[in-house]
Amino acid sequence: MSDRAPQPVERLLPTEEARDLISLVRDIAQREIAPKAAEEEDAGRFPREVFTLLSQSGLLGLPYDSEYGGGDQPYEVYLQVLEELATARLTVGLGASVHTLASYALATYGTKEQQVEHLPGMLGGGLLGAYCLSEPSSGSDAASLRTRAVRDGDDWVITGTKAWITHGGIADFYTVMARTGGEGPRGITAFLVPGDAAGVSAAPPEKKMGLKGSPTAQVHFDGVRVPDTHRIGEEGQGFTIALSALDSGRLGIAACAIGLAQAALNEAVAYAAERRQFGRPIADFQGLRFMLADMATQIEAGRALYLAAARLRDAGRPFAQQAAMAKLHCTDTAMRVTTDAVQILGGYGYTTDFPVERYLREAKVLQIVEGTNQIQRMVIARHLVGPEGR
């Protein structure tokens, strides 16, 4: 890896508080996250202590109400924090995004009593969350989920299996979508399930091509009993809650993708400036210079796209179409940029001595999680021309 320090991204932030926040994140990233990233990813180690530090620093509840331990930050700022974390290590940026996604249902649809009881621990008390929507047989077709919650007096009994759950097996709480009524989206309800509830267990983590430090596992709910006070929103409102959460979550994935792409560009620029061939740095060759220029332009366009969507969200305006566009463009950009970074490093880029091969492996999953990019295209088209089969 090159010793040449990359220039930090120049950010236009709305307040002095936001500028101080980014400085704090960069300091944590440089001291606590980046130096250990390669070793821990190779070992498949999840950095729980980093998430404890982020929680103690007020960085795991940024877009939520300070009354409950949040940071009162707009998405425009929160997403740039995610980008900084993902630049240092995608496992951390993605983990922070998933935790925010898992907290969304209670923070947005929960009762005042639920929020007072649970949100302080979730947003600043060191707890880590997971979001449980997908199942072994329902991924893109999330409305066909089979996990069921049956009413039993003042309790609900949840039975089923969720799949591809980030933080599966290590989360302190799960936001679970379960079927309480008939088939289709209107029969789904959201629940808050403690990670240590009787009947909750996890399969061994999936063996993945990248993000090996971020545990992804099936989570089993075997007759898990939770009180009705852990139901979030109304019965049958769960699918609406799930989709609303994903609109915001997709912006988190977009920001993480740009962070990963920025890390790859930083490494490619540093290597090109130092690697000499034919008596001069390879950065002097026009073909390679144009590759770097294209990579930087794609990253900047992606950053502008996710920030534009965030500003719509912050203004209370519809942003679902723009969130889908941002997720689509930014994750495709991460795939292109990391591929080009490997090419620029040549044979060295294909070795584990340099981080770009890891970046390439990590980029792929971003085109899949929280709605594949094919689903994003469907969402965008529906906004443009209406639903299929009209």
Protein backbone atom coordinates (compact mmCIF):
# COMPACT_ATOMS: atom_id res chain seq x y z
CA MET A 1 0.00 0.00 0.00
CA SER A 2 1.26 3.46 -0.79
CA ASP A 3 2.36 5.80 2.01
CA ARG A 4 1.19 8.81 0.03
CA ALA A 5 -1.70 10.36 2.00
CA PRO A 6 -4.75 11.12 -0.16
CA GLN A 7 -6.29 14.56 -0.10
CA PRO A 8 -9.53 14.57 1.92
CA VAL A 9 -12.74 15.14 0.01
CA GLU A 10 -13.71 18.80 -0.04
CA ARG A 11 -17.21 19.03 1.46
CA LEU A 12 -19.73 21.87 1.51
CA LEU A 13 -21.43 21.37 4.88
CA PRO A 14 -24.39 23.42 6.08
CA THR A 15 -23.21 24.27 9.63
CA GLU A 16 -20.10 24.61 11.76
CA GLU A 17 -21.42 21.69 13.83
CA ALA A 18 -21.49 19.53 10.70
CA ARG A 19 -17.91 20.51 9.84
CA ASP A 20 -16.78 19.57 13.34
CA LEU A 21 -18.64 16.29 12.99
CA ILE A 22 -16.83 15.37 9.78
CA SER A 23 -13.50 16.25 11.43
CA LEU A 24 -14.36 13.90 14.31
CA VAL A 25 -15.28 11.10 11.91
CA ARG A 26 -12.08 11.53 9.91
CA ASP A 27 -10.04 11.38 13.10
CA ILE A 28 -11.75 8.17 14.23
CA ALA A 29 -11.41 6.69 10.75
CA GLN A 30 -7.69 7.40 10.55
CA ARG A 31 -6.87 6.29 14.11
CA GLU A 32 -9.27 3.44 14.83
CA ILE A 33 -10.63 2.03 11.58
CA ALA A 34 -8.34 2.24 8.54
CA PRO A 35 -5.13 0.88 10.13
CA LYS A 36 -6.77 -2.42 11.06
CA ALA A 37 -9.12 -2.80 8.10
CA ALA A 38 -7.09 -5.14 5.86
CA GLU A 39 -5.99 -7.45 8.66
CA GLU A 40 -9.43 -7.72 10.23
CA GLU A 41 -11.24 -8.23 6.93
CA ASP A 42 -8.82 -11.00 6.04
CA ALA A 43 -9.47 -12.62 9.44
CA GLY A 44 -13.23 -12.12 9.14
CA ARG A 45 -13.32 -10.14 12.38
CA PHE A 46 -16.24 -7.84 13.17
CA PRO A 47 -15.02 -4.66 14.93
CA ARG A 48 -17.65 -4.42 17.65
CA GLU A 49 -15.43 -2.09 19.67
CA VAL A 50 -15.52 0.41 16.80
CA PHE A 51 -19.32 0.44 16.87
CA THR A 52 -19.21 0.96 20.63
CA LEU A 53 -16.92 3.94 20.03
CA LEU A 54 -19.22 5.29 17.31
CA SER A 55 -22.18 4.98 19.66
CA GLN A 56 -20.34 6.73 22.49
CA SER A 57 -19.34 9.48 20.04
CA GLY A 58 -22.96 10.05 19.00
CA LEU A 59 -22.43 8.72 15.48
CA LEU A 60 -24.96 5.84 15.41
CA GLY A 61 -28.08 7.96 15.74
CA LEU A 62 -27.24 11.01 13.67
CA PRO A 63 -30.49 11.47 11.68
CA TYR A 64 -32.75 10.92 14.69
CA ASP A 65 -34.19 13.13 17.43
CA SER A 66 -31.78 14.30 20.12
CA GLU A 67 -34.59 13.87 22.67
CA TYR A 68 -33.90 10.13 22.42
CA GLY A 69 -30.13 10.22 21.99
CA GLY A 70 -29.97 11.06 18.29
CA GLY A 71 -27.94 13.75 16.59
CA ASP A 72 -30.62 15.95 14.94
CA GLN A 73 -28.56 15.88 11.74
CA PRO A 74 -30.08 16.14 8.25
CA TYR A 75 -29.55 13.27 5.85
CA GLU A 76 -27.30 15.56 3.82
CA VAL A 77 -24.81 15.42 6.71
CA TYR A 78 -25.47 11.87 7.95
CA LEU A 79 -24.77 10.37 4.51
CA GLN A 80 -21.43 12.14 4.25
CA VAL A 81 -20.49 10.63 7.60
CA LEU A 82 -21.32 7.20 6.17
CA GLU A 83 -19.16 7.94 3.14
CA GLU A 84 -16.20 8.83 5.36
CA LEU A 85 -16.62 5.62 7.38
CA ALA A 86 -16.93 3.49 4.25
CA THR A 87 -13.81 5.06 2.76
CA ALA A 88 -11.91 3.79 5.80
CA ARG A 89 -13.65 0.38 5.88
CA LEU A 90 -16.86 -0.66 4.17
CA THR A 91 -17.81 -3.05 7.00
CA VAL A 92 -18.07 -0.05 9.33
CA GLY A 93 -19.90 2.28 6.94
CA LEU A 94 -22.36 -0.41 5.91
CA GLY A 95 -22.84 -1.49 9.52
CA ALA A 96 -23.71 2.06 10.57
CA SER A 97 -26.18 2.30 7.67
CA VAL A 98 -27.84 -1.00 8.60
CA HIS A 99 -28.12 0.07 12.23
CA THR A 100 -29.84 3.28 11.13
CA LEU A 101 -32.17 1.21 8.93
CA ALA A 102 -33.00 -1.09 11.85
CA SER A 103 -33.79 1.91 14.08
CA TYR A 104 -35.99 3.60 11.48
CA ALA A 105 -39.27 1.80 12.14
CA LEU A 106 -39.38 2.61 15.84
CA ALA A 107 -38.02 6.15 15.38
CA THR A 108 -40.59 6.96 12.68
CA TYR A 109 -43.66 4.83 13.43
CA GLY A 110 -43.27 3.95 17.11
CA THR A 111 -45.41 5.38 19.88
CA LYS A 112 -44.03 7.98 22.25
CA GLU A 113 -43.86 5.33 24.98
CA GLN A 114 -41.94 2.93 22.73
CA GLN A 115 -39.50 5.61 21.69
CA VAL A 116 -38.83 6.71 25.29
CA GLU A 117 -38.23 3.10 26.33
CA HIS A 118 -36.10 1.82 23.46
CA LEU A 119 -34.54 4.59 21.38
CA PRO A 120 -31.91 5.88 23.86
CA GLY A 121 -30.25 2.46 23.94
CA MET A 122 -30.54 2.05 20.19
CA LEU A 123 -29.20 5.49 19.28
CA GLY A 124 -26.53 6.12 21.89
CA GLY A 125 -26.51 3.28 24.38
CA GLY A 126 -24.15 0.91 22.60
CA LEU A 127 -26.81 -1.37 21.13
CA LEU A 128 -26.47 -2.68 17.56
CA GLY A 129 -29.45 -3.44 15.31
CA ALA A 130 -30.38 -5.62 12.35
CA TYR A 131 -33.19 -5.36 9.81
CA CYS A 132 -35.12 -8.55 9.04
CA LEU A 133 -37.15 -8.50 5.84
CA SER A 134 -35.61 -10.98 3.38
CA GLU A 135 -36.17 -14.74 3.69
CA PRO A 136 -34.69 -17.81 1.99
CA SER A 137 -37.52 -17.80 -0.57
CA SER A 138 -38.42 -14.08 -0.64
CA GLY A 139 -35.81 -11.54 -1.58
CA SER A 140 -36.88 -9.09 -4.27
CA ASP A 141 -40.47 -10.33 -3.80
CA ALA A 142 -40.49 -9.25 -0.16
CA ALA A 143 -44.30 -9.18 0.04
CA SER A 144 -44.35 -12.99 -0.20
CA LEU A 145 -42.55 -13.45 3.14
CA ARG A 146 -43.60 -16.44 5.27
CA THR A 147 -42.40 -15.62 8.79
CA ARG A 148 -45.60 -15.49 10.84
CA ALA A 149 -46.66 -13.75 14.04
CA VAL A 150 -49.73 -15.16 15.80
CA ARG A 151 -51.60 -13.26 18.50
CA ASP A 152 -51.72 -14.98 21.90
CA GLY A 153 -53.44 -12.78 24.47
CA ASP A 154 -51.28 -9.69 24.98
CA ASP A 155 -48.34 -11.30 23.18
CA TRP A 156 -47.31 -12.25 19.68
CA VAL A 157 -45.55 -15.52 18.87
CA ILE A 158 -43.15 -15.22 15.91
CA THR A 159 -41.99 -18.24 13.90
CA GLY A 160 -39.90 -18.29 10.74
CA THR A 161 -36.47 -17.71 9.22
CA LYS A 162 -34.95 -14.52 7.88
CA ALA A 163 -32.03 -14.62 5.46
CA TRP A 164 -29.09 -12.42 4.44
CA ILE A 165 -29.27 -10.50 7.71
CA THR A 166 -26.36 -8.13 8.32
CA HIS A 167 -25.37 -8.43 12.00
CA GLY A 168 -27.33 -11.69 12.18
CA GLY A 169 -26.40 -13.45 15.40
CA ILE A 170 -24.63 -10.47 16.99
CA ALA A 171 -27.38 -7.82 16.94
CA ASP A 172 -28.90 -6.59 20.19
CA PHE A 173 -32.26 -6.02 18.51
CA TYR A 174 -34.00 -7.05 15.31
CA THR A 175 -36.66 -5.11 13.43
CA VAL A 176 -38.72 -7.99 12.05
CA MET A 177 -41.40 -8.01 9.35
CA ALA A 178 -43.83 -10.89 9.93
CA ARG A 179 -47.14 -11.99 8.50
CA THR A 180 -50.09 -11.37 10.82
CA GLY A 181 -52.85 -11.52 8.20
CA GLY A 182 -53.56 -12.82 4.73
CA GLU A 183 -51.29 -13.06 1.70
CA GLY A 184 -49.70 -10.03 0.14
CA PRO A 185 -48.31 -6.76 1.49
CA ARG A 186 -51.34 -5.83 3.61
CA GLY A 187 -50.88 -8.84 5.88
CA ILE A 188 -47.44 -7.83 7.21
CA THR A 189 -46.67 -6.20 10.57
CA ALA A 190 -43.42 -4.85 12.06
CA PHE A 191 -42.04 -5.96 15.44
CA LEU A 192 -39.11 -5.08 17.66
CA VAL A 193 -37.45 -8.30 18.86
CA PRO A 194 -34.63 -8.31 21.44
CA GLY A 195 -31.57 -10.22 20.29
CA ASP A 196 -31.55 -12.28 23.48
CA ALA A 197 -35.24 -13.24 23.35
CA ALA A 198 -35.94 -16.94 23.92
CA GLY A 199 -36.19 -18.74 20.59
CA VAL A 200 -33.93 -16.36 18.62
CA SER A 201 -30.89 -18.05 17.09
CA ALA A 202 -28.62 -17.62 14.11
CA ALA A 203 -27.05 -19.96 11.59
CA PRO A 204 -23.29 -19.80 10.99
CA PRO A 205 -22.38 -16.66 9.01
CA GLU A 206 -22.42 -16.95 5.23
CA LYS A 207 -19.04 -17.42 3.54
CA LYS A 208 -18.82 -14.42 1.23
CA MET A 209 -16.45 -13.18 -1.44
CA GLY A 210 -16.14 -9.81 0.32
CA LEU A 211 -17.17 -7.95 3.47
CA LYS A 212 -15.86 -10.89 5.44
CA GLY A 213 -15.71 -8.81 8.61
CA SER A 214 -19.43 -8.07 8.44
CA PRO A 215 -21.44 -11.12 9.61
CA THR A 216 -24.35 -12.05 7.35
CA ALA A 217 -26.50 -14.93 8.56
CA GLN A 218 -29.92 -16.52 8.65
CA VAL A 219 -31.81 -15.68 11.83
CA HIS A 220 -34.33 -18.20 13.17
CA PHE A 221 -37.39 -17.26 15.21
CA ASP A 222 -38.69 -20.39 16.92
CA GLY A 223 -41.86 -19.46 18.77
CA VAL A 224 -40.38 -16.13 19.89
CA ARG A 225 -42.80 -14.40 22.24
CA VAL A 226 -42.92 -10.59 22.33
CA PRO A 227 -45.53 -8.36 23.96
CA ASP A 228 -47.92 -6.31 21.85
CA THR A 229 -46.02 -3.26 23.08
CA HIS A 230 -43.22 -4.45 20.73
CA ARG A 231 -45.49 -4.20 17.69
CA ILE A 232 -44.44 -1.16 15.63
CA GLY A 233 -47.23 0.71 13.89
CA GLU A 234 -50.62 -0.77 13.15
CA GLU A 235 -51.32 -4.37 12.22
CA GLY A 236 -50.88 -4.71 8.48
CA GLN A 237 -48.72 -1.58 8.22
CA GLY A 238 -45.42 -3.46 8.21
CA PHE A 239 -44.84 -3.54 4.46
CA THR A 240 -45.40 0.21 4.20
CA ILE A 241 -42.90 0.69 7.03
CA ALA A 242 -40.42 -1.66 5.34
CA LEU A 243 -40.53 0.16 2.00
CA SER A 244 -40.29 3.56 3.66
CA ALA A 245 -37.23 2.40 5.56
CA LEU A 246 -35.63 1.07 2.39
CA ASP A 247 -36.04 4.40 0.58
CA SER A 248 -33.79 5.96 3.21
CA GLY A 249 -31.58 2.89 3.49
CA ARG A 250 -30.81 2.99 -0.21
CA LEU A 251 -29.30 6.42 0.26
CA GLY A 252 -27.06 4.91 2.93
CA ILE A 253 -25.90 2.24 0.49
CA ALA A 254 -25.27 4.90 -2.16
CA ALA A 255 -23.08 6.90 0.23
CA CYS A 256 -21.15 3.78 1.26
CA ALA A 257 -20.59 2.91 -2.40
CA ILE A 258 -19.10 6.32 -3.08
CA GLY A 259 -16.90 5.97 -0.01
CA LEU A 260 -15.58 2.65 -1.29
CA ALA A 261 -15.02 4.07 -4.77
CA GLN A 262 -13.17 7.04 -3.27
CA ALA A 263 -10.88 4.68 -1.37
CA ALA A 264 -10.10 2.84 -4.62
CA LEU A 265 -9.43 6.10 -6.46
CA ASN A 266 -7.13 7.30 -3.66
CA GLU A 267 -5.08 4.13 -3.92
CA ALA A 268 -4.95 4.26 -7.73
CA VAL A 269 -3.79 7.89 -7.76
CA ALA A 270 -1.09 7.24 -5.17
CA TYR A 271 0.19 4.17 -7.00
CA ALA A 272 0.17 5.90 -10.40
CA ALA A 273 2.20 8.79 -9.03
CA GLU A 274 4.89 6.49 -7.61
CA ARG A 275 5.07 3.54 -10.02
CA ARG A 276 7.64 4.17 -12.75
CA GLN A 277 7.79 2.51 -16.15
CA PHE A 278 9.78 3.52 -19.23
CA GLY A 279 11.65 6.05 -17.09
CA ARG A 280 8.70 8.03 -15.74
CA PRO A 281 5.66 7.72 -13.44
CA ILE A 282 2.82 5.85 -15.07
CA ALA A 283 0.61 8.83 -14.13
CA ASP A 284 2.30 10.64 -17.03
CA PHE A 285 0.69 8.34 -19.59
CA GLN A 286 -2.44 9.77 -21.15
CA GLY A 287 -4.41 6.52 -21.25
CA LEU A 288 -4.02 6.08 -17.51
CA ARG A 289 -4.65 9.77 -16.78
CA PHE A 290 -7.94 9.53 -18.65
CA MET A 291 -8.92 6.46 -16.59
CA LEU A 292 -8.30 8.37 -13.38
CA ALA A 293 -10.25 11.37 -14.69
CA ASP A 294 -13.24 9.18 -15.56
CA MET A 295 -13.13 7.49 -12.16
CA ALA A 296 -13.09 10.83 -10.35
CA THR A 297 -15.92 12.19 -12.47
CA GLN A 298 -18.13 9.16 -11.84
CA ILE A 299 -17.53 9.45 -8.10
CA GLU A 300 -18.33 13.15 -8.04
CA ALA A 301 -21.51 12.58 -10.05
CA GLY A 302 -22.59 9.85 -7.64
CA ARG A 303 -21.89 12.06 -4.64
CA ALA A 304 -23.97 14.86 -6.14
CA LEU A 305 -26.81 12.44 -6.88
CA TYR A 306 -27.08 11.01 -3.37
CA LEU A 307 -26.81 14.48 -1.83
CA ALA A 308 -29.57 15.82 -4.09
CA ALA A 309 -31.84 12.97 -2.98
CA ALA A 310 -30.91 13.64 0.66
CA ARG A 311 -31.85 17.30 0.35
CA LEU A 312 -35.25 16.35 -1.03
CA ARG A 313 -35.74 14.04 1.97
CA ASP A 314 -34.63 16.76 4.38
CA ALA A 315 -37.12 19.16 2.82
CA GLY A 316 -39.96 16.68 3.33
CA ARG A 317 -40.45 16.16 -0.39
CA PRO A 318 -40.86 12.81 -2.24
CA PHE A 319 -37.46 11.24 -2.86
CA ALA A 320 -38.07 7.53 -3.56
CA GLN A 321 -37.27 7.84 -7.27
CA GLN A 322 -34.10 9.79 -6.59
CA ALA A 323 -33.07 7.31 -3.86
CA ALA A 324 -33.39 4.46 -6.35
CA MET A 325 -31.37 6.43 -8.90
CA ALA A 326 -28.67 7.16 -6.34
CA LYS A 327 -28.44 3.54 -5.23
CA LEU A 328 -28.29 2.36 -8.86
CA HIS A 329 -25.72 4.87 -10.07
CA CYS A 330 -23.47 4.91 -7.01
CA THR A 331 -23.17 1.13 -6.66
CA ASP A 332 -22.56 0.69 -10.39
CA THR A 333 -19.92 3.40 -10.06
CA ALA A 334 -18.25 1.54 -7.19
CA MET A 335 -18.06 -1.57 -9.36
CA ARG A 336 -16.54 0.30 -12.31
CA VAL A 337 -14.09 2.32 -10.25
CA THR A 338 -12.78 -0.62 -8.22
CA THR A 339 -12.36 -2.64 -11.42
CA ASP A 340 -10.36 0.19 -12.98
CA ALA A 341 -8.27 0.57 -9.83
CA VAL A 342 -7.22 -3.06 -10.06
CA GLN A 343 -6.32 -2.50 -13.72
CA ILE A 344 -4.21 0.56 -12.90
CA LEU A 345 -2.22 -1.39 -10.30
CA GLY A 346 -1.76 -4.23 -12.80
CA GLY A 347 -0.48 -7.46 -11.29
CA TYR A 348 -0.12 -5.82 -7.89
CA GLY A 349 -3.81 -4.94 -7.97
CA TYR A 350 -4.64 -8.64 -8.15
CA THR A 351 -2.71 -9.42 -4.97
CA THR A 352 -3.75 -9.02 -1.34
CA ASP A 353 -0.70 -6.83 -0.75
CA PHE A 354 -2.78 -3.90 -1.97
CA PRO A 355 -6.37 -3.17 -0.89
CA VAL A 356 -7.92 -2.64 -4.32
CA GLU A 357 -8.62 -6.37 -4.83
CA ARG A 358 -10.63 -6.27 -1.57
CA TYR A 359 -12.45 -3.15 -2.71
CA LEU A 360 -13.44 -4.92 -5.93
CA ARG A 361 -14.81 -7.92 -4.02
CA GLU A 362 -16.71 -5.65 -1.66
CA ALA A 363 -18.21 -3.49 -4.39
CA LYS A 364 -20.18 -6.34 -5.93
CA VAL A 365 -22.53 -6.87 -3.00
CA LEU A 366 -23.59 -3.21 -3.05
CA GLN A 367 -25.35 -3.86 -6.36
CA ILE A 368 -27.41 -6.56 -4.60
CA VAL A 369 -28.29 -5.45 -1.06
CA GLU A 370 -31.41 -3.42 -0.15
CA GLY A 371 -32.94 -4.02 -3.54
CA THR A 372 -30.90 -5.26 -6.48
CA ASN A 373 -30.07 -2.75 -9.16
CA GLN A 374 -32.60 -4.45 -11.40
CA ILE A 375 -35.25 -3.63 -8.78
CA GLN A 376 -33.99 -0.03 -8.69
CA ARG A 377 -34.58 0.23 -12.42
CA MET A 378 -38.12 -1.08 -11.92
CA VAL A 379 -38.75 1.53 -9.21
CA ILE A 380 -37.45 4.34 -11.40
CA ALA A 381 -39.51 3.20 -14.40
CA ARG A 382 -42.68 3.04 -12.30
CA HIS A 383 -42.20 6.66 -11.34
CA LEU A 384 -41.70 7.56 -14.99
CA VAL A 385 -44.42 5.57 -16.76
CA GLY A 386 -46.52 3.93 -14.06
CA PRO A 387 -46.78 0.30 -12.90
CA GLU A 388 -46.34 -2.63 -15.26
CA GLY A 389 -49.40 -4.11 -16.92
CA ARG A 390 -51.59 -1.03 -16.71
